[in-house]
Every structure is written in C-alpha cells, then in structure tokens.
Protein backbone atom coordinates (compact mmCIF):
# COMPACT_ATOMS: atom_id res chain seq x y z
CA VAL A 1 -4.30 -2.50 -74.12
CA PHE A 2 -6.82 -5.05 -74.98
CA THR A 3 -7.70 -7.94 -72.61
CA ASP A 4 -9.77 -11.00 -73.19
CA ILE A 5 -10.42 -14.11 -70.99
CA ILE A 6 -9.44 -17.26 -72.85
CA ASP A 7 -12.11 -19.91 -73.30
CA SER A 8 -14.79 -17.81 -71.40
CA THR A 9 -17.66 -18.93 -73.31
CA ASN A 10 -17.19 -22.48 -72.42
CA MET A 11 -16.44 -21.60 -68.75
CA TRP A 12 -19.81 -19.78 -68.58
CA GLU A 13 -21.46 -23.09 -69.88
CA TYR A 14 -19.43 -25.11 -67.40
CA ASP A 15 -20.44 -23.19 -64.27
CA GLN A 16 -22.25 -19.73 -64.41
CA ARG A 17 -22.05 -19.18 -60.70
CA ALA A 18 -18.32 -19.67 -60.47
CA MET A 19 -17.71 -17.66 -63.64
CA ARG A 20 -19.72 -14.77 -62.29
CA ALA A 21 -17.57 -14.87 -59.10
CA ALA A 22 -14.35 -15.14 -61.15
CA LEU A 23 -15.33 -12.25 -63.56
CA THR A 24 -15.89 -9.99 -60.54
CA ILE A 25 -12.40 -10.94 -59.17
CA HIS A 26 -10.91 -10.35 -62.67
CA ASP A 27 -12.64 -6.94 -63.15
CA ASN A 28 -11.50 -5.91 -59.67
CA ILE A 29 -7.88 -6.75 -60.41
CA ILE A 30 -7.96 -5.07 -63.88
CA ARG A 31 -9.46 -1.93 -62.40
CA ALA A 32 -7.01 -1.79 -59.41
CA GLU A 33 -4.01 -2.24 -61.65
CA LEU A 34 -5.35 0.44 -63.98
CA VAL A 35 -5.17 2.82 -61.05
CA ASN A 36 -1.68 1.52 -60.01
CA PHE A 37 -0.29 2.24 -63.54
CA ASP A 38 -2.25 5.49 -64.36
CA GLY A 39 -4.36 3.67 -66.93
CA TYR A 40 -7.74 4.72 -68.27
CA GLU A 41 -10.63 2.27 -68.64
CA VAL A 42 -11.98 3.21 -72.13
CA LYS A 43 -14.66 0.39 -72.06
CA THR A 44 -15.37 -3.16 -71.42
CA LEU A 45 -15.95 -5.60 -74.18
CA GLY A 46 -17.78 -8.66 -72.87
CA ASP A 47 -15.24 -10.23 -70.55
CA GLY A 48 -12.50 -7.95 -71.72
CA PHE A 49 -11.21 -4.39 -71.32
CA LEU A 50 -9.93 -1.60 -73.67
CA ALA A 51 -7.59 0.64 -71.65
CA SER A 52 -5.29 3.45 -72.58
CA PHE A 53 -1.99 4.57 -71.13
CA SER A 54 0.22 7.62 -71.66
CA THR A 55 3.18 5.50 -72.49
CA PRO A 56 3.87 1.90 -73.84
CA GLU A 57 6.05 1.29 -70.75
CA SER A 58 3.10 1.90 -68.43
CA ALA A 59 1.03 -0.37 -70.57
CA LEU A 60 3.62 -3.17 -70.39
CA LYS A 61 4.08 -2.67 -66.61
CA PHE A 62 0.26 -2.99 -66.24
CA CYS A 63 0.16 -6.22 -68.23
CA LEU A 64 2.99 -7.90 -66.33
CA SER A 65 1.74 -6.89 -62.82
CA THR A 66 -1.93 -7.86 -63.76
CA GLN A 67 -0.73 -11.32 -64.99
CA LYS A 68 1.03 -11.78 -61.67
CA LYS A 69 -1.99 -10.78 -59.67
CA LEU A 70 -4.29 -13.05 -61.67
CA GLN A 71 -1.96 -16.04 -60.84
CA SER A 72 -1.88 -15.38 -57.17
CA VAL A 73 -5.54 -14.77 -56.31
CA ALA A 74 -7.95 -17.06 -54.61
CA TRP A 75 -10.18 -18.38 -57.54
CA PRO A 76 -13.41 -20.35 -56.94
CA LYS A 77 -12.65 -24.01 -56.86
CA GLU A 78 -14.77 -24.69 -59.94
CA ILE A 79 -12.72 -22.43 -62.00
CA LEU A 80 -9.39 -24.11 -60.68
CA ASP A 81 -10.99 -27.50 -61.64
CA TYR A 82 -11.77 -26.53 -65.23
CA ALA A 83 -9.35 -28.49 -67.15
CA LEU A 84 -8.50 -26.02 -69.91
CA GLN A 85 -7.81 -23.40 -67.34
CA SER A 86 -5.59 -25.37 -64.91
CA MET A 87 -3.16 -26.85 -67.59
CA CYS A 88 -1.34 -25.21 -70.32
CA TRP A 89 1.03 -26.35 -73.15
CA SER A 90 4.04 -24.22 -73.73
CA GLY A 91 5.44 -26.22 -76.69
CA HIS A 92 8.10 -28.02 -74.69
CA THR A 93 6.82 -28.58 -71.27
CA ASN A 94 3.44 -28.41 -69.26
CA TYR A 95 3.15 -25.72 -66.75
CA GLN A 96 0.47 -24.88 -64.23
CA SER A 97 -1.71 -21.83 -64.65
CA ARG A 98 -4.04 -20.85 -61.83
CA GLY A 99 -7.61 -19.54 -62.66
CA LEU A 100 -8.62 -17.42 -65.42
CA ARG A 101 -6.17 -17.01 -68.26
CA VAL A 102 -6.20 -13.60 -69.77
CA ARG A 103 -4.60 -12.70 -73.04
CA MET A 104 -3.44 -8.95 -73.34
CA GLY A 105 -2.29 -7.08 -76.38
CA ILE A 106 -0.57 -3.75 -76.54
CA HIS A 107 -0.69 -1.34 -79.49
CA PHE A 108 0.40 2.30 -79.46
CA GLY A 109 0.06 5.34 -81.66
CA ALA A 110 -2.11 8.53 -81.91
CA PRO A 111 -5.79 7.92 -82.51
CA PHE A 112 -7.53 9.46 -85.69
CA ALA A 113 -10.29 10.78 -83.45
CA CYS A 114 -11.60 10.63 -79.86
CA SER A 115 -14.93 11.47 -78.49
CA PRO A 116 -17.12 10.86 -75.43
CA ASN A 117 -19.26 7.82 -75.51
CA HIS A 118 -22.90 8.97 -75.54
CA LEU A 119 -23.92 6.42 -72.89
CA THR A 120 -21.01 6.28 -70.51
CA GLY A 121 -19.45 9.66 -71.00
CA ARG A 122 -16.02 8.12 -71.10
CA MET A 123 -13.62 9.03 -73.94
CA ASP A 124 -13.46 6.62 -76.85
CA TYR A 125 -10.80 6.27 -79.34
CA TYR A 126 -10.75 5.54 -83.08
CA GLY A 127 -8.09 4.60 -85.60
CA TYR A 128 -5.52 1.96 -86.49
CA MET A 129 -3.92 2.04 -83.02
CA VAL A 130 -7.14 0.74 -81.44
C-alpha cells in the first residue's frame, strides 16, 4: 500500500504549524491501523507511507478503516478551513471531506528482491509490485 496526502505542498505553505500537527495525527493513525491489520511499515516517503501486508484483503481493510479514522479525527481548525481540503467534487454532487485527504493505492505480488535498509534496518522491497 502506498499512501499520499493530497495537496500537502500547498498546505505546508498555507500553515506550517497546523500542517505539522496534522501530519503527526496522520502518522499516528496510519501506524495504529498498520498494527490493527498486521501491516508492516516499509518506509515513509515525505508525507506518505509504503506498507506491506500478507494478503490483499488485509491491505484493503487497512485502507478502508484508515479512511474512516481520518474522517472522524479532530483536525486543527486551520486544516479544516483550508478550502481544497474541506470541499470535494465527486462528479455529480459536492460532499464534505474532513481534514487531510489521503490517497491510497494497493498493488500485490511477489517482490524481485528484498533487503534491509542500511539506515533503518527495515526490510525494503524491489520489483514491479512496489
């Protein structure tokens, strides 16, 4: 699973203090949900994560549960006020989105290779499935 906060660069420019607080909330939710669904944090990529799971079903359950948690958490007011984060367009109707919007993608398969990262010691994966 790859995750990425939508429009994070502009949000950092809008309010660094609020974004720092929001990123901490985001990271805590992601890490707690990884534990809940037996996921493995491979690495962080800026404001996103690369995580692995033993099954595609676990990955999907992680994504769905994490999205629900992200919508229900108490975000800093400045994050909620940020126009691009508070209103979304679905193509037919407007709907409200609370706080950070996080895109998530799932890909599955066997890696070509894996090896421990020399800095973190965490297992890293290589191949088309990454």
